[in-house]
Protein backbone atom coordinates (compact mmCIF):
# COMPACT_ATOMS: atom_id res chain seq x y z
CA UNK A 1 -30.81 1.37 -15.57
CA UNK A 2 -31.04 -2.12 -14.21
CA UNK A 3 -34.58 -3.52 -14.79
CA UNK A 4 -36.58 -4.42 -11.47
CA UNK A 5 -36.95 -8.17 -11.34
CA UNK A 6 -40.29 -9.68 -9.77
CA UNK A 7 -40.09 -10.25 -6.02
CA UNK A 8 -41.05 -13.94 -6.47
CA UNK A 9 -37.76 -14.76 -8.05
CA UNK A 10 -36.02 -13.27 -5.09
CA UNK A 11 -38.38 -15.23 -2.73
CA UNK A 12 -38.15 -18.32 -4.59
CA UNK A 13 -34.18 -17.94 -4.70
CA UNK A 14 -33.46 -16.91 -1.18
CA UNK A 15 -35.73 -19.54 0.30
CA UNK A 16 -33.32 -22.36 -0.41
CA UNK A 17 -30.24 -20.90 1.12
CA UNK A 18 -28.68 -22.39 4.23
CA UNK A 19 -28.24 -20.37 7.25
CA UNK A 20 -24.61 -20.56 6.93
CA UNK A 21 -24.66 -18.80 3.48
CA UNK A 22 -26.93 -16.03 4.71
CA UNK A 23 -24.68 -15.48 7.60
CA UNK A 24 -21.63 -15.35 4.99
CA UNK A 25 -23.37 -12.66 3.05
CA UNK A 26 -23.67 -10.55 6.12
CA UNK A 27 -20.11 -11.27 7.14
CA UNK A 28 -19.02 -10.33 3.72
CA UNK A 29 -20.35 -6.69 3.73
CA UNK A 30 -19.12 -6.04 7.36
CA UNK A 31 -15.90 -4.13 7.74
CA UNK A 32 -12.93 -6.29 8.96
CA UNK A 33 -9.62 -5.48 10.45
CA UNK A 34 -6.60 -5.21 8.31
CA UNK A 35 -4.40 -8.00 7.38
CA UNK A 36 -1.09 -7.93 9.75
CA UNK A 37 2.18 -7.61 7.62
CA UNK A 38 4.25 -8.47 10.54
CA UNK A 39 5.53 -11.68 12.07
CA UNK A 40 5.34 -13.81 8.94
CA UNK A 41 5.71 -17.41 9.26
CA UNK A 42 9.00 -19.17 8.10
CA UNK A 43 9.14 -21.47 5.20
CA UNK A 44 8.78 -25.01 5.90
CA UNK A 45 11.90 -27.14 5.08
CA UNK A 46 11.12 -29.31 1.88
CA UNK A 47 12.49 -32.96 1.68
CA UNK A 48 10.18 -35.00 -0.17
CA UNK A 49 9.12 -35.41 -3.79
CA UNK A 50 6.27 -33.30 -5.38
CA UNK A 51 4.78 -35.44 -8.15
CA UNK A 52 4.06 -33.47 -11.54
CA UNK A 53 0.18 -32.60 -11.62
CA UNK A 54 -2.06 -32.70 -14.29
CA UNK A 55 -0.96 -30.21 -16.86
CA UNK A 56 -3.05 -27.64 -18.62
CA UNK A 57 -2.52 -25.96 -21.78
CA UNK A 58 0.03 -22.94 -22.08
CA UNK A 59 -1.77 -19.49 -21.44
CA UNK A 60 1.26 -17.20 -21.24
CA UNK A 61 2.18 -16.23 -24.77
CA UNK A 62 4.82 -13.68 -23.94
CA UNK A 63 6.16 -11.93 -21.03
CA UNK A 64 2.90 -10.02 -20.44
CA UNK A 65 0.56 -11.39 -23.16
CA UNK A 66 -2.05 -14.00 -22.19
CA UNK A 67 -4.50 -16.29 -23.78
CA UNK A 68 -7.74 -17.19 -21.80
CA UNK A 69 -11.25 -18.36 -22.85
CA UNK A 70 -10.04 -18.05 -26.59
CA UNK A 71 -9.22 -14.51 -26.19
CA UNK A 72 -5.85 -13.03 -26.24
CA UNK A 73 -4.76 -9.85 -24.11
CA UNK A 74 -1.79 -7.88 -22.69
CA UNK A 75 -1.45 -6.39 -19.41
CA UNK A 76 0.97 -3.46 -20.04
CA UNK A 77 0.70 -1.78 -16.72
CA UNK A 78 -0.83 -1.99 -13.16
CA UNK A 79 -4.35 -1.24 -14.49
CA UNK A 80 -4.55 -4.24 -16.59
CA UNK A 81 -4.93 -6.64 -13.57
CA UNK A 82 -8.30 -5.10 -13.21
CA UNK A 83 -9.24 -3.98 -16.80
CA UNK A 84 -13.05 -2.99 -16.54
CA UNK A 85 -13.14 -3.88 -20.32
CA UNK A 86 -12.37 -7.31 -19.75
CA UNK A 87 -14.80 -9.90 -18.61
CA UNK A 88 -14.51 -10.99 -14.83
CA UNK A 89 -13.65 -14.61 -16.03
CA UNK A 90 -10.82 -13.48 -17.87
CA UNK A 91 -9.56 -11.49 -14.96
CA UNK A 92 -9.77 -14.27 -12.66
CA UNK A 93 -7.79 -16.47 -14.97
CA UNK A 94 -5.08 -13.77 -15.32
CA UNK A 95 -4.84 -13.90 -11.43
CA UNK A 96 -4.84 -17.71 -11.18
CA UNK A 97 -1.28 -18.18 -12.62
CA UNK A 98 -2.17 -21.77 -14.00
CA UNK A 99 0.65 -21.29 -16.65
CA UNK A 100 3.19 -22.17 -13.88
CA UNK A 101 2.11 -25.57 -13.96
CA UNK A 102 1.20 -25.85 -17.74
CA UNK A 103 2.66 -27.49 -20.81
CA UNK A 104 6.30 -26.27 -21.37
CA UNK A 105 6.19 -24.03 -18.34
CA UNK A 106 10.05 -24.69 -17.82
CA UNK A 107 10.69 -23.06 -21.09
CA UNK A 108 8.93 -19.99 -19.58
CA UNK A 109 10.72 -19.82 -16.31
CA UNK A 110 11.96 -16.10 -16.57
CA UNK A 111 8.61 -14.87 -17.86
CA UNK A 112 7.09 -16.51 -14.55
CA UNK A 113 9.60 -15.08 -12.23
CA UNK A 114 9.13 -11.61 -13.65
CA UNK A 115 5.33 -11.92 -13.69
CA UNK A 116 5.14 -13.01 -9.95
CA UNK A 117 7.26 -9.86 -9.18
CA UNK A 118 4.91 -7.76 -11.07
CA UNK A 119 1.77 -9.30 -9.60
CA UNK A 120 3.16 -8.57 -5.92
CA UNK A 121 4.34 -4.75 -6.91
CA UNK A 122 1.21 -4.06 -8.58
CA UNK A 123 -1.57 -5.83 -6.45
CA UNK A 124 -1.56 -4.28 -2.94
CA UNK A 125 -3.23 -6.33 -0.39
CA UNK A 126 -7.11 -6.30 -0.52
CA UNK A 127 -7.40 -4.53 -3.76
CA UNK A 128 -8.87 -5.89 -7.16
CA UNK A 129 -9.69 -9.30 -8.51
CA UNK A 130 -6.76 -10.89 -7.18
CA UNK A 131 -7.73 -10.71 -3.70
CA UNK A 132 -11.15 -12.32 -4.03
CA UNK A 133 -10.97 -15.48 -2.34
CA UNK A 134 -11.23 -18.11 -5.29
CA UNK A 135 -8.57 -16.67 -7.47
CA UNK A 136 -6.29 -16.06 -4.46
CA UNK A 137 -6.54 -19.68 -3.37
CA UNK A 138 -5.79 -20.93 -6.72
CA UNK A 139 -2.88 -18.80 -6.90
CA UNK A 140 -1.55 -19.81 -3.56
CA UNK A 141 -1.71 -23.30 -4.80
CA UNK A 142 0.00 -22.60 -8.25
CA UNK A 143 2.84 -20.59 -6.57
CA UNK A 144 3.33 -23.34 -4.08
CA UNK A 145 3.38 -26.08 -6.70
CA UNK A 146 5.97 -24.04 -8.83
CA UNK A 147 8.16 -23.81 -5.76
CA UNK A 148 7.89 -27.44 -4.81
CA UNK A 149 8.89 -28.27 -8.52
CA UNK A 150 12.13 -26.96 -7.73
CA UNK A 151 11.77 -23.15 -8.54
CA UNK A 152 12.75 -20.30 -6.51
CA UNK A 153 10.22 -17.53 -5.49
CA UNK A 154 11.44 -14.32 -6.24
CA UNK A 155 12.29 -11.77 -3.37
CA UNK A 156 9.29 -10.46 -1.52
CA UNK A 157 7.07 -13.35 -2.94
CA UNK A 158 6.96 -15.61 -0.10
CA UNK A 159 6.00 -12.78 2.24
CA UNK A 160 3.19 -11.78 -0.01
CA UNK A 161 2.20 -15.38 -0.42
CA UNK A 162 1.91 -15.64 3.52
CA UNK A 163 -0.15 -12.33 3.34
CA UNK A 164 -2.43 -14.02 0.86
CA UNK A 165 -2.98 -16.81 3.14
CA UNK A 166 -3.81 -14.62 6.01
CA UNK A 167 -6.33 -12.76 3.99
CA UNK A 168 -7.74 -16.00 2.67
CA UNK A 169 -8.18 -17.43 6.10
CA UNK A 170 -10.34 -14.26 6.95
CA UNK A 171 -12.56 -14.31 3.79
CA UNK A 172 -13.58 -17.85 3.27
CA UNK A 173 -16.57 -18.37 0.84
CA UNK A 174 -19.28 -19.51 3.47
CA UNK A 175 -21.64 -17.58 1.40
CA UNK A 176 -21.16 -19.71 -1.43
CA UNK A 177 -19.86 -23.01 -0.36
CA UNK A 178 -19.52 -25.90 -3.09
CA UNK A 179 -16.55 -26.03 -5.24
CA UNK A 180 -15.47 -22.41 -4.13
CA UNK A 181 -15.10 -23.39 -0.45
CA UNK A 182 -13.14 -26.66 -1.68
CA UNK A 183 -10.75 -24.27 -3.41
CA UNK A 184 -10.36 -22.23 -0.19
CA UNK A 185 -9.71 -25.23 1.96
CA UNK A 186 -7.11 -26.40 -0.71
CA UNK A 187 -5.45 -22.94 -0.56
CA UNK A 188 -5.11 -23.08 3.09
CA UNK A 189 -3.70 -26.76 3.15
CA UNK A 190 -1.01 -25.55 0.69
CA UNK A 191 -0.22 -22.55 2.60
CA UNK A 192 -0.10 -24.55 5.79
CA UNK A 193 2.36 -27.01 4.12
CA UNK A 194 4.37 -24.44 2.53
CA UNK A 195 5.01 -22.56 5.70
CA UNK A 196 6.01 -23.49 9.32
CA UNK A 197 5.19 -22.53 12.76
CA UNK A 198 1.81 -21.94 14.73
CA UNK A 199 0.00 -19.68 12.18
CA UNK A 200 0.49 -22.23 9.33
CA UNK A 201 -0.30 -25.14 11.45
CA UNK A 202 -3.69 -23.38 11.85
CA UNK A 203 -3.96 -22.64 8.36
CA UNK A 204 -3.44 -26.21 7.64
CA UNK A 205 -5.72 -27.54 10.33
CA UNK A 206 -8.57 -25.15 9.06
CA UNK A 207 -8.30 -26.34 5.52
CA UNK A 208 -8.19 -30.03 6.54
CA UNK A 209 -11.24 -29.42 8.69
CA UNK A 210 -13.26 -28.02 5.99
CA UNK A 211 -12.01 -30.64 3.47
CA UNK A 212 -12.91 -33.43 5.52
CA UNK A 213 -16.67 -32.37 6.07
CA UNK A 214 -17.10 -30.97 2.60
CA UNK A 215 -15.90 -34.01 0.56
CA UNK A 216 -18.42 -36.20 2.45
CA UNK A 217 -21.24 -33.84 1.42
CA UNK A 218 -19.96 -32.68 -2.08
CA UNK A 219 -19.03 -36.03 -3.49
CA UNK A 220 -22.25 -38.24 -3.78
CA UNK A 221 -22.34 -42.00 -3.55
CA UNK A 222 -21.88 -42.65 -7.11
CA UNK A 223 -18.33 -40.58 -7.26
CA UNK A 224 -20.02 -37.42 -8.75
CA UNK A 225 -19.79 -33.97 -7.65
CA UNK A 226 -23.10 -32.52 -6.19
CA UNK A 227 -23.20 -29.67 -8.59
CA UNK A 228 -23.68 -32.03 -11.56
CA UNK A 229 -21.24 -30.23 -13.83
CA UNK A 230 -19.04 -32.73 -15.49
CA UNK A 231 -16.48 -29.80 -15.81
CA UNK A 232 -16.54 -28.71 -12.08
CA UNK A 233 -16.44 -32.48 -11.44
CA UNK A 234 -13.15 -32.72 -13.04
CA UNK A 235 -11.92 -29.54 -11.43
CA UNK A 236 -12.87 -30.82 -8.09
CA UNK A 237 -11.10 -34.12 -8.69
CA UNK A 238 -8.15 -32.49 -9.63
CA UNK A 239 -8.31 -30.55 -6.41
CA UNK A 240 -8.51 -33.76 -4.55
CA UNK A 241 -5.75 -35.41 -6.37
CA UNK A 242 -3.57 -32.25 -5.76
CA UNK A 243 -4.23 -32.62 -1.88
CA UNK A 244 -3.39 -36.36 -1.97
CA UNK A 245 -0.11 -35.36 -3.71
CA UNK A 246 0.71 -32.57 -1.06
CA UNK A 247 -0.45 -34.54 2.13
CA UNK A 248 1.53 -37.84 1.13
CA UNK A 249 4.58 -36.44 -0.27
CA UNK A 250 5.59 -33.42 1.61
CA UNK A 251 7.17 -33.54 5.09
CA UNK A 252 5.69 -34.27 8.55
CA UNK A 253 2.82 -36.48 7.59
CA UNK A 254 2.23 -37.93 10.76
CA UNK A 255 -0.76 -35.79 12.14
CA UNK A 256 -3.73 -38.02 12.78
CA UNK A 257 -5.99 -35.48 10.92
CA UNK A 258 -3.64 -35.27 7.97
CA UNK A 259 -4.05 -39.03 7.76
CA UNK A 260 -7.62 -39.32 8.20
CA UNK A 261 -8.20 -36.62 5.40
CA UNK A 262 -5.59 -38.31 3.23
CA UNK A 263 -7.53 -41.43 3.33
CA UNK A 264 -10.84 -39.86 2.74
CA UNK A 265 -9.58 -38.07 -0.26
CA UNK A 266 -7.75 -41.31 -1.60
CA UNK A 267 -10.96 -43.18 -1.08
CA UNK A 268 -12.82 -40.73 -3.30
CA UNK A 269 -10.72 -40.72 -6.16
CA UNK A 270 -11.44 -43.99 -7.66
CA UNK A 271 -15.28 -43.09 -7.51
CA UNK A 272 -14.61 -39.76 -8.88
CA UNK A 273 -12.65 -41.18 -11.73
CA UNK A 274 -15.44 -43.86 -12.43
CA UNK A 275 -18.02 -41.13 -12.57
CA UNK A 276 -15.94 -39.16 -14.69
CA UNK A 277 -15.16 -42.01 -17.15
CA UNK A 278 -18.82 -42.57 -17.45
CA UNK A 279 -19.50 -39.03 -18.52
CA UNK A 280 -16.96 -38.98 -20.92
CA UNK A 281 -17.84 -39.49 -24.56
CA UNK A 282 -16.24 -41.66 -26.75
CA UNK A 283 -14.19 -38.93 -28.39
CA UNK A 284 -12.44 -38.41 -24.84
CA UNK A 285 -14.35 -35.19 -23.96
CA UNK A 286 -16.84 -34.80 -21.32
CA UNK A 287 -20.60 -34.22 -21.67
CA UNK A 288 -21.46 -30.75 -21.46
CA UNK A 289 -24.48 -30.72 -18.84
CA UNK A 290 -25.06 -27.53 -16.87
CA UNK A 291 -22.22 -25.10 -16.89
CA UNK A 292 -19.56 -27.32 -18.80
CA UNK A 293 -17.04 -26.77 -21.72
CA UNK A 294 -13.88 -28.27 -22.81
CA UNK A 295 -10.69 -26.41 -21.36
CA UNK A 296 -12.43 -25.39 -18.18
CA UNK A 297 -10.42 -28.31 -16.40
CA UNK A 298 -7.81 -30.79 -17.15
CA UNK A 299 -8.96 -33.63 -19.71
CA UNK A 300 -10.02 -37.07 -18.43
CA UNK A 301 -7.23 -38.70 -19.71
CA UNK A 302 -4.81 -36.47 -18.16
CA UNK A 303 -6.50 -36.84 -14.70
CA UNK A 304 -6.60 -40.38 -15.10
CA UNK A 305 -2.74 -40.58 -15.68
CA UNK A 306 -2.20 -38.37 -12.49
CA UNK A 307 -4.15 -40.50 -10.23
CA UNK A 308 -2.49 -43.67 -11.50
CA UNK A 309 0.82 -41.97 -10.62
CA UNK A 310 -0.30 -41.12 -7.33
CA UNK A 311 -2.45 -44.13 -6.43
CA UNK A 312 -1.12 -47.09 -8.15
CA UNK A 313 -3.43 -49.98 -8.21
CA UNK A 314 -6.22 -47.81 -9.37
CA UNK A 315 -5.39 -47.79 -12.92
CA UNK A 316 -8.64 -49.86 -14.00
CA UNK A 317 -10.63 -46.98 -12.41
CA UNK A 318 -8.71 -44.40 -14.20
CA UNK A 319 -9.05 -45.72 -17.73
CA UNK A 320 -11.13 -43.43 -20.01
CA UNK A 321 -14.44 -44.99 -21.12
CA UNK A 322 -14.28 -45.70 -25.02
CA UNK A 323 -17.83 -46.73 -25.26
CA UNK A 324 -19.57 -48.77 -27.77
CA UNK A 325 -18.66 -52.57 -28.45
CA UNK A 326 -21.69 -53.78 -26.38
CA UNK A 327 -23.10 -55.64 -29.51
CA UNK A 328 -26.72 -56.10 -29.75
CA UNK A 329 -27.62 -55.55 -26.10
CA UNK A 330 -28.04 -52.23 -24.64
CA UNK A 331 -25.53 -51.37 -21.55
CA UNK A 332 -26.93 -48.93 -18.99
CA UNK A 333 -24.57 -47.16 -16.44
CA UNK A 334 -27.00 -45.42 -14.00
CA UNK A 335 -25.30 -42.86 -11.89
CA UNK A 336 -28.26 -43.10 -9.35
CA UNK A 337 -26.92 -40.46 -7.03
CA UNK A 338 -26.24 -37.65 -9.42
CA UNK A 339 -28.83 -38.58 -11.69
CA UNK A 340 -27.58 -39.36 -14.81
CA UNK A 341 -27.71 -42.57 -17.16
CA UNK A 342 -25.20 -43.68 -19.86
CA UNK A 343 -26.40 -46.05 -22.51
CA UNK A 344 -24.25 -47.73 -25.02
CA UNK A 345 -25.63 -49.80 -27.91
CA UNK A 346 -23.59 -51.00 -30.69
CA UNK A 347 -21.30 -47.88 -31.31
CA UNK A 348 -24.12 -45.64 -30.22
CA UNK A 349 -23.59 -43.76 -26.71
CA UNK A 350 -26.14 -41.50 -25.34
CA UNK A 351 -26.14 -39.75 -21.93
CA UNK A 352 -29.53 -39.10 -20.43
CA UNK A 353 -30.09 -36.08 -17.70
CA UNK A 354 -32.59 -37.28 -15.22
CA UNK A 355 -30.94 -35.38 -12.39
CA UNK A 356 -31.79 -32.58 -10.21
CA UNK A 357 -30.45 -29.43 -11.69
CA UNK A 358 -28.08 -29.15 -8.44
CA UNK A 359 -28.06 -29.06 -4.68
CA UNK A 360 -31.04 -26.63 -3.75
CA UNK A 361 -28.77 -24.18 -1.81
CA UNK A 362 -26.06 -24.08 -4.64
CA UNK A 363 -27.76 -24.06 -8.23
CA UNK A 364 -25.39 -21.41 -9.60
CA UNK A 365 -23.88 -23.54 -12.53
CA UNK A 366 -27.39 -24.93 -13.39
CA UNK A 367 -29.21 -24.90 -16.57
CA UNK A 368 -32.86 -25.34 -17.16
CA UNK A 369 -32.12 -28.60 -19.20
CA UNK A 370 -33.97 -31.39 -17.19
CA UNK A 371 -34.69 -34.51 -19.15
CA UNK A 372 -32.01 -33.43 -21.93
CA UNK A 373 -29.69 -35.78 -23.51
CA UNK A 374 -26.54 -35.93 -25.81
CA UNK A 375 -25.67 -38.62 -28.39
CA UNK A 376 -22.58 -39.87 -30.09
CA UNK A 377 -22.32 -42.40 -32.86
CA UNK A 378 -18.76 -43.78 -32.49
CA UNK A 379 -16.34 -40.82 -31.66
CA UNK A 380 -18.54 -38.59 -33.62
CA UNK A 381 -20.87 -36.38 -31.64
CA UNK A 382 -24.36 -36.22 -32.96
CA UNK A 383 -26.88 -34.36 -30.35
CA UNK A 384 -25.04 -31.58 -28.43
CA UNK A 385 -26.04 -29.78 -25.25
CA UNK A 386 -25.49 -26.12 -25.56
CA UNK A 387 -22.23 -25.74 -23.54
CA UNK A 388 -21.38 -22.43 -22.33
CA UNK A 389 -19.35 -19.77 -23.71
CA UNK A 390 -19.26 -16.95 -21.35
CA UNK A 391 -20.33 -16.47 -17.46
CA UNK A 392 -21.70 -13.04 -15.99
CA UNK A 393 -25.09 -11.17 -16.59
CA UNK A 394 -26.57 -10.47 -19.80
CA UNK A 395 -29.13 -11.83 -22.37
CA UNK A 396 -26.63 -14.37 -23.98
CA UNK A 397 -25.70 -15.93 -20.76
CA UNK A 398 -29.49 -16.32 -19.69
CA UNK A 399 -30.11 -17.79 -23.16
CA UNK A 400 -27.60 -20.39 -23.06
CA UNK A 401 -28.74 -21.46 -19.65
CA UNK A 402 -32.44 -21.61 -21.03
CA UNK A 403 -34.69 -24.75 -21.74
CA UNK A 404 -34.75 -23.83 -25.58
CA UNK A 405 -30.77 -24.34 -25.87
CA UNK A 406 -30.85 -27.84 -24.76
CA UNK A 407 -32.51 -31.39 -26.10
CA UNK A 408 -35.44 -31.14 -24.11
CA UNK A 409 -39.24 -29.82 -24.28
CA UNK A 410 -40.06 -25.96 -23.82
CA UNK A 411 -43.67 -25.10 -22.52
CA UNK A 412 -45.35 -21.74 -23.16
CA UNK A 413 -41.96 -20.34 -23.81
CA UNK A 414 -40.69 -20.70 -20.42
CA UNK A 415 -37.76 -22.53 -18.83
CA UNK A 416 -38.31 -25.75 -17.15
CA UNK A 417 -36.45 -23.90 -13.94
CA UNK A 418 -36.35 -20.31 -13.55
CA UNK A 419 -32.77 -19.42 -14.32
CA UNK A 420 -32.12 -15.70 -14.00
CA UNK A 421 -28.91 -13.37 -13.36
CA UNK A 422 -25.84 -14.84 -13.92
CA UNK A 423 -25.99 -17.78 -11.40
CA UNK A 424 -29.44 -17.58 -10.01
CA UNK A 425 -32.42 -20.24 -10.10
CA UNK A 426 -35.94 -19.57 -8.42
CA UNK A 427 -38.44 -22.41 -8.91
CA UNK A 428 -36.68 -25.42 -10.32
CA UNK A 429 -37.75 -28.61 -11.76
CA UNK A 430 -37.54 -31.90 -9.87
CA UNK A 431 -37.52 -35.27 -11.90
CA UNK A 432 -39.69 -37.84 -10.93
CA UNK A 433 -41.21 -41.45 -11.76
CA UNK A 434 -38.10 -42.58 -13.07
CA UNK A 435 -38.21 -46.00 -14.55
CA UNK A 436 -35.51 -48.06 -16.33
CA UNK A 437 -35.99 -51.36 -18.09
CA UNK A 438 -32.69 -52.33 -19.39
CA UNK A 439 -34.10 -55.55 -21.00
CA UNK A 440 -36.48 -53.76 -23.28
CA UNK A 441 -34.00 -50.63 -23.68
CA UNK A 442 -36.44 -47.86 -22.26
CA UNK A 443 -35.80 -45.19 -19.77
CA UNK A 444 -38.66 -42.97 -18.86
CA UNK A 445 -38.98 -39.97 -16.58
CA UNK A 446 -41.05 -36.76 -15.86
CA UNK A 447 -40.13 -33.56 -14.25
CA UNK A 448 -42.51 -30.97 -12.37
CA UNK A 449 -40.80 -27.65 -13.58
CA UNK A 450 -43.74 -26.48 -15.24
CA UNK A 451 -46.38 -27.07 -12.57
CA UNK A 452 -46.16 -23.57 -11.74
CA UNK A 453 -47.54 -22.34 -14.92
CA UNK A 454 -51.30 -22.18 -15.69
CA UNK A 455 -52.74 -25.64 -16.71
CA UNK A 456 -50.02 -27.05 -14.17
CA UNK A 457 -48.39 -29.21 -17.04
CA UNK A 458 -46.15 -32.06 -16.47
CA UNK A 459 -43.29 -33.04 -18.99
CA UNK A 460 -43.15 -36.79 -19.51
CA UNK A 461 -40.07 -38.27 -21.62
CA UNK A 462 -39.39 -41.71 -22.73
CA UNK A 463 -36.34 -42.80 -24.65
CA UNK A 464 -36.49 -46.27 -26.31
CA UNK A 465 -33.28 -47.85 -27.52
CA UNK A 466 -33.14 -50.55 -30.30
CA UNK A 467 -30.60 -51.77 -32.45
CA UNK A 468 -29.43 -49.07 -35.17
CA UNK A 469 -32.22 -46.70 -33.80
CA UNK A 470 -33.91 -44.88 -30.93
CA UNK A 471 -37.39 -43.03 -30.05
CA UNK A 472 -37.72 -39.99 -28.10
CA UNK A 473 -41.45 -39.82 -26.80
CA UNK A 474 -42.61 -36.61 -25.24
CA UNK A 475 -45.97 -36.17 -23.60
CA UNK A 476 -47.51 -32.97 -21.92
CA UNK A 477 -49.96 -33.84 -19.14
CA UNK A 478 -52.07 -31.08 -18.25
CA UNK A 479 -53.16 -27.63 -20.07
CA UNK A 480 -50.51 -25.58 -22.34
CA UNK A 481 -50.83 -23.20 -25.06
CA UNK A 482 -47.71 -24.30 -26.87
CA UNK A 483 -44.88 -26.80 -26.52
CA UNK A 484 -41.74 -27.62 -28.56
CA UNK A 485 -39.05 -30.10 -28.21
CA UNK A 486 -35.55 -29.51 -29.85
CA UNK A 487 -32.51 -31.38 -31.17
CA UNK A 488 -29.49 -29.57 -31.34
CA UNK A 489 -27.07 -31.12 -34.04
CA UNK A 490 -23.38 -31.11 -34.07
CA UNK A 491 -21.98 -28.55 -36.58
CA UNK A 492 -20.02 -31.05 -38.32
CA UNK A 493 -23.09 -32.92 -39.40
CA UNK A 494 -24.72 -31.96 -42.60
CA UNK A 495 -28.41 -31.69 -42.28
CA UNK A 496 -30.61 -32.61 -45.27
CA UNK A 497 -34.30 -32.21 -44.73
CA UNK A 498 -37.15 -33.61 -46.99
CA UNK A 499 -39.77 -31.31 -48.29
CA UNK A 500 -41.95 -31.62 -45.14
CA UNK A 501 -39.28 -31.30 -42.62
CA UNK A 502 -40.87 -34.02 -40.70
CA UNK A 503 -38.01 -36.48 -42.07
CA UNK A 504 -34.73 -35.92 -43.25
CA UNK A 505 -30.99 -37.19 -43.16
CA UNK A 506 -27.82 -36.60 -41.38
CA UNK A 507 -24.40 -37.17 -42.87
CA UNK A 508 -21.58 -37.62 -40.62
CA UNK A 509 -18.12 -36.28 -41.65
CA UNK A 510 -17.08 -39.91 -42.14
CA UNK A 511 -19.83 -40.73 -44.88
CA UNK A 512 -22.26 -42.62 -42.58
CA UNK A 513 -25.97 -41.35 -42.63
CA UNK A 514 -28.65 -41.22 -39.93
CA UNK A 515 -32.36 -40.71 -40.53
CA UNK A 516 -34.86 -38.68 -38.57
CA UNK A 517 -38.59 -39.25 -38.71
CA UNK A 518 -41.15 -37.02 -36.78
CA UNK A 519 -44.16 -39.33 -36.42
CA UNK A 520 -46.28 -37.11 -34.04
CA UNK A 521 -45.75 -33.24 -34.13
CA UNK A 522 -44.54 -30.57 -36.74
CA UNK A 523 -40.95 -30.19 -37.71
CA UNK A 524 -38.82 -26.95 -38.73
CA UNK A 525 -35.04 -26.48 -38.86
CA UNK A 526 -33.71 -23.63 -36.84
CA UNK A 527 -30.11 -21.85 -37.05
CA UNK A 528 -28.73 -21.96 -33.46
CA UNK A 529 -25.40 -21.90 -31.84
CA UNK A 530 -22.78 -24.32 -29.89
CA UNK A 531 -20.45 -23.33 -27.35
CA UNK A 532 -18.03 -26.19 -26.67
CA UNK A 533 -15.49 -23.63 -24.89
CA UNK A 534 -15.60 -20.35 -23.33
CA UNK A 535 -15.27 -17.84 -25.95
CA UNK A 536 -16.57 -19.85 -28.73
CA UNK A 537 -19.78 -19.69 -30.65
CA UNK A 538 -20.07 -22.00 -33.47
CA UNK A 539 -23.17 -21.97 -35.79
CA UNK A 540 -25.22 -25.24 -35.90
CA UNK A 541 -28.69 -26.61 -36.69
CA UNK A 542 -31.56 -27.70 -34.46
CA UNK A 543 -34.62 -29.66 -35.28
CA UNK A 544 -37.54 -28.24 -33.40
CA UNK A 545 -40.71 -30.57 -33.07
CA UNK A 546 -43.98 -28.43 -32.38
CA UNK A 547 -46.52 -30.14 -30.52
CA UNK A 548 -49.89 -30.45 -32.12
CA UNK A 549 -51.31 -32.53 -29.47
CA UNK A 550 -50.44 -33.71 -26.16
CA UNK A 551 -47.54 -35.91 -27.49
CA UNK A 552 -44.58 -35.94 -30.05
CA UNK A 553 -42.58 -38.89 -31.17
CA UNK A 554 -39.34 -38.73 -33.11
CA UNK A 555 -37.38 -41.66 -34.39
CA UNK A 556 -33.63 -41.74 -35.28
CA UNK A 557 -32.07 -44.64 -37.06
CA UNK A 558 -28.83 -45.52 -38.64
CA UNK A 559 -27.23 -48.43 -39.94
């Protein structure tokens, strides 16, 4: 039996929605006419060069065997496409067909042809996960990419692709918006370029219109995607690059709307690359704020290479940030629009989350992580954010989104933002009083996420960076019963506490050592888990700092 949730959770979730989202939810449950199977558009003649896109890791292990989210499975018959024993996200990946444009795809050509035939035969229109708009849009794009790369779609697949485009056109995700709507628009654009005739032109025009509007809304002034997830930012960057690839390199490029959208996307790419570069650790991987995991998008290096091939002249913006080498002077990179700050000092790199959790009307990928941070020493991660190993509903998904799974302060056992369900947030934290004093190496900020509690507490944090060390000072202003800050260590570190647990040593894999000291507060070590990829749960340790007054102070030092 599903437990009843407090009415306030629904109230404080629904009040942020846009009218278009509410209308979209109503339209979603209303019956709609069946998609016509007649009068399918002709294929557009292709005469230009489609450039190779960013490649993903191979996921097709055999003719019907797959590996998604670090879990293998086989689809033996038609029921496997919608196997209720599988997680929803695993089934979504099954329907994406990402392997068509993955590493070594040419060597799996016959498997791909047979799999496309199976999908057409075993997924009737409108039925199952594969006909939901998001996987449908991604599959349209991948089938088109595969064909543009010189492969011939099996008999019946082109007609099925046109039916998919018709279905997508009627089921755009206005109830969700965000990266889903961008993916829908991209699917329509690719379908419109793949086919010819009035219907295809309407798909193209609709996709271009949505993309033109959404790029200006979703890509903020600092180049970051407004959902504040480095993983989804990378996905959206790949979408934008693919659209530039298609609009520039496929026939009939003379439409004014196409030219305008090509220009908008091309202008966004360098800013988006610069943002991604800033949010990339020296090890080449993204920071794991909000819903973010390795492998969920093309790597920053591959996206940079793709951009450099498409848009020559932007190589400097495409370079992956290597970090460090700033000597004895801290270097601050403030992404003011999205709300992240990167600090490089010697070989130390820190990422500070002073951001809103996301757009108010779309916080589905948000975690209760306000004022969290990550830390690297050289290419070794030291303090890690939780990452994410799973979607869907359940206690583990909720725990991974919760404040205790992040390097920030939890008050009275509550989350700083009211995350619930799989992708819901009711009352949420807003950062305030941000001060950046670069010359002193200081960043301070507060948030109001706990003001809903008795005592109306306010969490205020100060990071102070110095040569070979840093301090983290947390203060709770207002009444509270209990509070604790946490520092989650990378699993490769050996954690060596002293007897009191208020100080200890961190041994890095390369032999370097770091020290921690709790100058205010009481420490204890906890066994926790880190989730750098979907499907991965890796044991690690966490230093918990209990408040014995209004303030805690922790010092990290290294040589």
